[in-house]
């Protein structure tokens, strides 16, 4: 019988070692079997599946946080050893016959966040055992924001639903939505009518908690008429999205002025009706009538009548309708009558 001897080269061994290292590194960072999150101060239970039926009698279960062993329990559950620094905060609920071993952590704090691994060892693993030896749990600690603030350009705090204004069209509105003391870093942004506005976001971390600022710089236009803008804060540490609003009182100039009435000429002694309409203004425009260069006084013109009404439009602007009624005389001949 001829026996062939295989000689492994140094390069081949290096390639195997490199491949093994890459696989371990990738799985160490990407292959968590489960992800769990809990609020700071709450208790959490981490569950490690144990398949005694397929694998045989259990020798022990070890719990690790990262690479540090924090607890071990014997297969029969009679011996439990918990690292000193976790005494009083960690306990183990273990059943020798499976199907799981549970690690209880009381009053979780931010440093408790990390990857927990339970390693189950069997006395004589059966052929049917598919146990890979370790079960990984990615544990996150959630901290609700300690404060959600809206600040003006000078850093003064604004209450929710504050009305800003009167503001002018073309003015640049600045403001900051600031979220303090949260974990993880929340999503923060400014919105109008459900659409995200352009802002700049800064994120700072201190003592494992995040400070997030969404800074708004908005050039006001007719899009902001009768509108509200809101700061939205979204984080898994809160059950719902939190919104704080600002109401904008925006002033805009008229888009159109229309003067109607006499088209060609009129006859002396007849009543003349002139109507001036002003569109798209906020607040409602004030209309002044002029006879040549003289402003007409609505309450002091014995030979004429001026009546003015305003109508609120759907976009928040006003239509102003002013009517001038007078009796035509020879003194109005060739005179320019206008409204402003």
Protein backbone atom coordinates (compact mmCIF):
# COMPACT_ATOMS: atom_id res chain seq x y z
CA UNK A 1 0.00 0.00 0.00
CA UNK A 2 1.35 3.38 -1.00
CA UNK A 3 0.89 6.17 1.50
CA UNK A 4 1.11 9.69 0.14
CA UNK A 5 2.46 12.28 2.56
CA UNK A 6 1.10 15.80 2.32
CA UNK A 7 3.47 18.62 3.21
CA UNK A 8 1.79 21.84 4.24
CA UNK A 9 3.74 24.88 3.27
CA UNK A 10 4.16 27.82 5.58
CA UNK A 11 2.14 30.00 3.21
CA UNK A 12 -0.75 27.53 3.27
CA UNK A 13 -0.86 27.57 7.07
CA UNK A 14 -0.75 31.35 7.02
CA UNK A 15 -3.70 31.45 4.61
CA UNK A 16 -5.76 29.12 6.83
CA UNK A 17 -4.93 31.17 9.93
CA UNK A 18 -5.79 34.44 8.11
CA UNK A 19 -9.13 33.03 6.89
CA UNK A 20 -9.99 31.79 10.38
CA UNK A 21 -9.12 35.17 11.88
CA UNK A 22 -11.30 37.04 9.36
CA UNK A 23 -14.26 34.72 9.97
CA UNK A 24 -13.94 35.13 13.73
CA UNK A 25 -13.61 38.90 13.48
CA UNK A 26 -16.62 39.21 11.14
CA UNK A 27 -18.83 37.01 13.30
CA UNK A 28 -17.64 38.73 16.45
CA UNK A 29 -18.96 42.02 15.13
CA UNK A 30 -21.84 40.99 12.86
CA UNK A 31 -23.19 37.62 13.99
CA UNK A 32 -25.18 38.37 17.13
CA UNK A 33 -27.95 35.78 17.52
CA UNK A 34 -30.28 38.25 19.19
CA UNK A 35 -30.65 41.97 19.94
CA UNK A 36 -32.31 43.29 23.10
CA UNK A 37 -32.84 46.83 24.43
CA UNK A 38 -33.94 48.06 27.83
CA UNK A 39 -34.48 51.43 29.47
CA UNK A 40 -31.89 52.58 31.98
CA UNK A 41 -32.93 51.64 35.51
CA UNK A 42 -35.14 48.76 34.38
CA UNK A 43 -34.40 45.05 34.75
CA UNK A 44 -33.65 42.79 31.81
CA UNK A 45 -33.50 39.06 31.20
CA UNK A 46 -31.00 37.59 28.74
CA UNK A 47 -31.98 34.10 27.61
CA UNK A 48 -29.51 31.44 26.50
CA UNK A 49 -31.03 28.40 24.71
CA UNK A 50 -29.81 25.01 25.96
CA UNK A 51 -30.67 21.90 23.89
CA UNK A 52 -30.21 19.04 26.35
CA UNK A 53 -32.38 16.75 24.23
CA UNK A 54 -30.07 16.92 21.20
CA UNK A 55 -26.76 17.41 22.99
CA UNK A 56 -26.92 15.33 26.19
CA UNK A 57 -26.18 16.22 29.80
CA UNK A 58 -24.99 19.74 30.49
CA UNK A 59 -21.63 20.33 32.10
CA UNK A 60 -21.82 24.11 32.61
CA UNK A 61 -22.94 27.43 31.20
CA UNK A 62 -20.61 30.43 31.24
CA UNK A 63 -21.72 34.03 30.68
CA UNK A 64 -19.37 36.63 29.21
CA UNK A 65 -19.68 40.38 28.67
CA UNK A 66 -17.36 40.98 25.77
CA UNK A 67 -14.35 38.83 26.64
CA UNK A 68 -14.78 39.04 30.43
CA UNK A 69 -16.47 36.16 32.18
CA UNK A 70 -19.11 37.44 34.57
CA UNK A 71 -20.87 34.27 35.73
CA UNK A 72 -20.82 30.47 35.51
CA UNK A 73 -23.36 27.84 36.56
CA UNK A 74 -22.85 24.10 36.76
CA UNK A 75 -24.97 21.81 34.63
CA UNK A 76 -27.01 20.61 37.60
CA UNK A 77 -27.43 24.18 38.83
CA UNK A 78 -25.93 23.47 42.25
CA UNK A 79 -22.91 25.73 41.78
CA UNK A 80 -23.28 29.35 40.72
CA UNK A 81 -20.34 31.72 40.63
CA UNK A 82 -20.89 35.44 39.87
CA UNK A 83 -18.06 37.93 39.62
CA UNK A 84 -17.77 40.18 42.65
CA UNK A 85 -18.60 43.47 40.92
CA UNK A 86 -21.93 42.05 39.73
CA UNK A 87 -23.07 40.60 43.06
CA UNK A 88 -26.51 41.87 43.98
CA UNK A 89 -27.25 42.99 40.41
CA UNK A 90 -26.97 39.73 38.50
CA UNK A 91 -28.70 36.42 39.14
CA UNK A 92 -29.06 33.22 37.11
CA UNK A 93 -32.26 31.25 36.54
CA UNK A 94 -31.10 27.80 35.47
CA UNK A 95 -32.84 24.54 34.63
CA UNK A 96 -30.58 21.45 34.18
CA UNK A 97 -33.03 20.00 31.66
CA UNK A 98 -33.28 23.16 29.54
CA UNK A 99 -34.61 24.62 27.42
CA UNK A 100 -32.82 27.77 28.56
CA UNK A 101 -30.61 29.48 31.11
CA UNK A 102 -31.48 33.07 31.96
CA UNK A 103 -29.27 35.90 33.16
CA UNK A 104 -31.16 38.59 35.14
CA UNK A 105 -29.69 42.08 35.41
CA UNK A 106 -31.34 44.52 37.81
CA UNK A 107 -31.30 48.30 37.42
CA UNK A 108 -29.37 48.34 34.16
CA UNK A 109 -27.01 51.25 33.55
CA UNK A 110 -25.28 52.50 30.42
CA UNK A 111 -22.01 50.59 31.17
CA UNK A 112 -24.07 47.37 31.06
CA UNK A 113 -24.50 47.85 27.31
CA UNK A 114 -22.50 45.46 25.16
CA UNK A 115 -22.34 41.98 23.67
CA UNK A 116 -23.17 39.13 26.04
CA UNK A 117 -22.19 35.59 25.17
CA UNK A 118 -23.33 32.41 26.86
CA UNK A 119 -21.16 29.35 26.34
CA UNK A 120 -22.75 25.96 27.00
CA UNK A 121 -20.58 22.89 27.50
CA UNK A 122 -21.91 19.31 27.47
CA UNK A 123 -20.39 16.28 29.21
CA UNK A 124 -20.49 14.00 26.16
CA UNK A 125 -22.09 15.80 23.22
CA UNK A 126 -24.34 13.54 21.14
CA UNK A 127 -23.94 13.25 17.39
CA UNK A 128 -27.27 14.99 16.96
CA UNK A 129 -25.97 18.09 18.79
CA UNK A 130 -25.85 21.21 16.63
CA UNK A 131 -24.64 23.38 19.45
CA UNK A 132 -22.01 25.87 18.24
CA UNK A 133 -20.83 26.44 21.78
CA UNK A 134 -21.84 30.10 22.08
CA UNK A 135 -24.94 32.25 21.82
CA UNK A 136 -24.46 35.99 21.36
CA UNK A 137 -26.81 38.77 22.50
CA UNK A 138 -26.38 42.42 21.55
CA UNK A 139 -27.73 44.42 24.50
CA UNK A 140 -28.49 48.15 24.22
CA UNK A 141 -29.36 50.52 27.06
CA UNK A 142 -31.90 53.23 26.21
CA UNK A 143 -32.05 56.60 27.93
CA UNK A 144 -34.93 59.02 27.23
CA UNK A 145 -33.95 62.67 26.70
CA UNK A 146 -33.60 64.68 29.89
CA UNK A 147 -34.77 67.80 28.01
CA UNK A 148 -36.16 68.78 24.59
CA UNK A 149 -35.82 72.53 23.99
CA UNK A 150 -36.62 75.03 21.25
CA UNK A 151 -34.29 78.03 21.33
CA UNK A 152 -34.40 81.27 19.36
CA UNK A 153 -31.38 82.85 17.68
CA UNK A 154 -30.29 84.44 20.97
CA UNK A 155 -30.55 81.14 22.85
CA UNK A 156 -33.76 82.02 24.66
CA UNK A 157 -36.13 79.11 25.28
CA UNK A 158 -39.48 79.16 23.47
CA UNK A 159 -42.54 77.34 24.73
CA UNK A 160 -44.32 74.79 22.59
CA UNK A 161 -46.83 76.43 20.18
CA UNK A 162 -45.28 79.89 20.60
CA UNK A 163 -46.35 82.35 17.88
CA UNK A 164 -43.45 84.13 16.23
CA UNK A 165 -44.09 87.43 14.54
CA UNK A 166 -45.02 89.52 12.89
CA UNK A 167 -42.36 88.26 10.48
CA UNK A 168 -41.53 89.72 7.09
CA UNK A 169 -41.35 87.87 3.81
CA UNK A 170 -37.68 87.37 2.92
CA UNK A 171 -36.60 87.41 6.58
CA UNK A 172 -34.27 84.56 7.66
CA UNK A 173 -35.70 82.70 10.64
CA UNK A 174 -33.17 81.00 12.88
CA UNK A 175 -33.79 78.53 15.69
CA UNK A 176 -32.41 75.45 17.37
CA UNK A 177 -34.08 72.27 18.52
CA UNK A 178 -31.90 70.81 21.25
CA UNK A 179 -32.19 67.32 22.74
CA UNK A 180 -30.14 66.59 25.86
CA UNK A 181 -29.07 63.50 27.77
CA UNK A 182 -30.35 60.78 25.41
CA UNK A 183 -29.04 57.39 24.32
CA UNK A 184 -28.77 56.42 21.52
CA UNK A 185 -28.41 59.71 19.64
CA UNK A 186 -31.99 60.59 18.61
CA UNK A 187 -33.10 61.66 15.14
CA UNK A 188 -33.87 65.40 15.32
CA UNK A 189 -35.15 67.63 12.53
CA UNK A 190 -37.40 70.53 11.53
CA UNK A 191 -40.53 69.93 9.44
CA UNK A 192 -43.24 71.94 7.69
CA UNK A 193 -46.41 70.18 6.53
CA UNK A 194 -44.67 66.82 6.93
CA UNK A 195 -41.67 67.79 4.80
CA UNK A 196 -38.16 67.95 6.26
CA UNK A 197 -36.66 71.43 6.15
CA UNK A 198 -33.00 72.09 5.46
CA UNK A 199 -31.06 72.20 8.72
CA UNK A 200 -27.66 71.37 10.16
CA UNK A 201 -27.32 68.73 12.86
CA UNK A 202 -24.57 68.41 15.46
CA UNK A 203 -24.07 65.42 17.76
CA UNK A 204 -21.90 65.48 20.88
CA UNK A 205 -21.35 62.70 23.43
CA UNK A 206 -20.50 63.16 27.09
CA UNK A 207 -20.64 60.53 29.85
CA UNK A 208 -22.19 58.05 27.39
CA UNK A 209 -25.14 60.39 26.71
CA UNK A 210 -25.80 62.44 23.58
CA UNK A 211 -26.55 66.10 22.95
CA UNK A 212 -28.15 66.61 19.53
CA UNK A 213 -28.91 70.00 17.96
CA UNK A 214 -30.88 70.68 14.80
CA UNK A 215 -30.13 74.25 13.68
CA UNK A 216 -32.65 75.90 11.35
CA UNK A 217 -32.00 78.79 8.98
CA UNK A 218 -35.15 79.37 6.93
CA UNK A 219 -35.70 82.18 4.43
CA UNK A 220 -39.40 82.97 4.84
CA UNK A 221 -41.63 82.93 1.79
CA UNK A 222 -45.33 82.58 1.03
CA UNK A 223 -44.95 78.87 1.75
CA UNK A 224 -44.91 79.80 5.44
CA UNK A 225 -48.23 81.68 5.31
CA UNK A 226 -50.52 80.58 8.15
CA UNK A 227 -48.20 77.64 8.79
CA UNK A 228 -46.49 75.95 11.68
CA UNK A 229 -43.04 74.44 11.76
CA UNK A 230 -42.21 71.67 14.14
CA UNK A 231 -39.20 69.98 15.63
CA UNK A 232 -39.47 66.20 15.66
CA UNK A 233 -37.52 63.97 18.02
CA UNK A 234 -37.44 60.22 17.39
CA UNK A 235 -35.65 57.68 19.56
CA UNK A 236 -36.29 54.05 20.62
CA UNK A 237 -36.11 55.32 24.21
CA UNK A 238 -39.49 57.05 23.69
CA UNK A 239 -42.73 55.30 22.82
CA UNK A 240 -43.85 58.03 20.41
CA UNK A 241 -42.27 60.73 18.26
CA UNK A 242 -42.15 64.01 20.20
CA UNK A 243 -43.07 67.22 18.35
CA UNK A 244 -42.74 70.85 19.44
CA UNK A 245 -44.30 73.51 17.27
CA UNK A 246 -43.80 77.16 16.38
CA UNK A 247 -46.62 79.16 14.77
CA UNK A 248 -45.45 81.66 12.14
CA UNK A 249 -47.23 85.01 11.78
CA UNK A 250 -45.91 86.05 8.38
CA UNK A 251 -46.63 89.39 6.71
CA UNK A 252 -46.55 89.60 2.90
CA UNK A 253 -47.09 92.36 0.37
CA UNK A 254 -50.01 92.39 -2.09
CA UNK A 255 -49.64 90.38 -5.25
CA UNK A 256 -52.11 92.44 -7.30
CA UNK A 257 -54.14 95.71 -7.21
CA UNK A 258 -57.11 96.14 -9.54
CA UNK A 259 -59.13 99.34 -10.13
CA UNK A 260 -62.43 99.02 -12.01
CA UNK A 261 -65.41 101.29 -12.74
CA UNK A 262 -65.62 103.93 -15.49
CA UNK A 263 -64.16 102.65 -18.76
CA UNK A 264 -64.46 105.68 -21.07
CA UNK A 265 -66.43 108.71 -19.82
CA UNK A 266 -69.28 109.61 -17.53
CA UNK A 267 -72.08 112.21 -17.55
CA UNK A 268 -72.23 115.09 -15.11
CA UNK A 269 -74.73 114.49 -12.33
CA UNK A 270 -74.62 110.68 -12.49
CA UNK A 271 -73.42 108.40 -9.74
CA UNK A 272 -69.98 106.89 -10.31
CA UNK A 273 -68.85 103.65 -8.64
CA UNK A 274 -65.14 102.85 -8.57
CA UNK A 275 -63.88 99.62 -7.00
CA UNK A 276 -60.35 98.94 -5.81
CA UNK A 277 -59.37 95.30 -5.09
CA UNK A 278 -56.13 94.33 -3.35
CA UNK A 279 -55.10 90.64 -3.45
CA UNK A 280 -52.61 88.47 -1.55
CA UNK A 281 -51.72 90.73 1.39
CA UNK A 282 -51.27 89.81 5.02
CA UNK A 283 -52.36 91.58 7.12
CA UNK A 284 -55.28 93.05 5.17
CA UNK A 285 -54.20 96.04 3.10
CA UNK A 286 -55.34 99.56 3.98
CA UNK A 287 -56.73 101.32 0.90
CA UNK A 288 -56.47 105.09 0.40
CA UNK A 289 -58.29 106.92 -2.41
CA UNK A 290 -56.79 109.98 -4.11
CA UNK A 291 -58.45 112.72 -6.13
CA UNK A 292 -55.45 113.86 -8.09
CA UNK A 293 -52.92 114.31 -5.28
CA UNK A 294 -55.43 114.85 -2.48
CA UNK A 295 -56.18 111.91 -0.21
CA UNK A 296 -59.90 111.42 0.35
CA UNK A 297 -61.08 111.13 3.93
CA UNK A 298 -63.59 108.24 4.29
CA UNK A 299 -65.42 110.12 7.05
CA UNK A 300 -65.07 113.67 5.81
CA UNK A 301 -66.13 113.74 2.16
CA UNK A 302 -69.72 115.13 1.92
CA UNK A 303 -70.07 114.40 -1.81
CA UNK A 304 -68.63 110.88 -1.81
CA UNK A 305 -68.90 107.60 0.08
CA UNK A 306 -66.09 105.14 0.76
CA UNK A 307 -66.74 101.62 2.05
CA UNK A 308 -64.08 98.97 2.59
CA UNK A 309 -64.36 95.26 3.41
CA UNK A 310 -61.79 92.50 3.86
CA UNK A 311 -62.09 88.78 3.13
CA UNK A 312 -59.82 86.08 4.55
CA UNK A 313 -58.58 83.65 1.89
CA UNK A 314 -57.69 79.96 2.21
CA UNK A 315 -53.95 80.67 2.06
CA UNK A 316 -54.13 83.05 5.05
CA UNK A 317 -53.95 86.25 2.99
CA UNK A 318 -56.70 88.84 2.63
CA UNK A 319 -58.62 90.34 -0.26
CA UNK A 320 -59.51 93.96 0.39
CA UNK A 321 -62.40 95.50 -1.56
CA UNK A 322 -62.89 99.27 -1.32
CA UNK A 323 -65.63 101.17 -3.16
CA UNK A 324 -65.76 104.90 -3.87
CA UNK A 325 -69.15 106.34 -4.82
CA UNK A 326 -69.54 110.00 -5.84
CA UNK A 327 -71.63 112.23 -8.08
CA UNK A 328 -69.78 113.35 -11.18
CA UNK A 329 -69.32 117.12 -11.57
CA UNK A 330 -67.33 119.31 -13.91
CA UNK A 331 -64.65 119.51 -11.23
CA UNK A 332 -63.75 115.80 -11.79
CA UNK A 333 -63.26 116.32 -15.51
CA UNK A 334 -59.77 115.19 -16.46
CA UNK A 335 -58.85 114.42 -12.84
CA UNK A 336 -57.00 111.16 -12.09
CA UNK A 337 -58.62 109.20 -9.32
CA UNK A 338 -56.55 106.32 -7.99
CA UNK A 339 -56.28 103.95 -5.04
CA UNK A 340 -53.16 102.92 -3.16
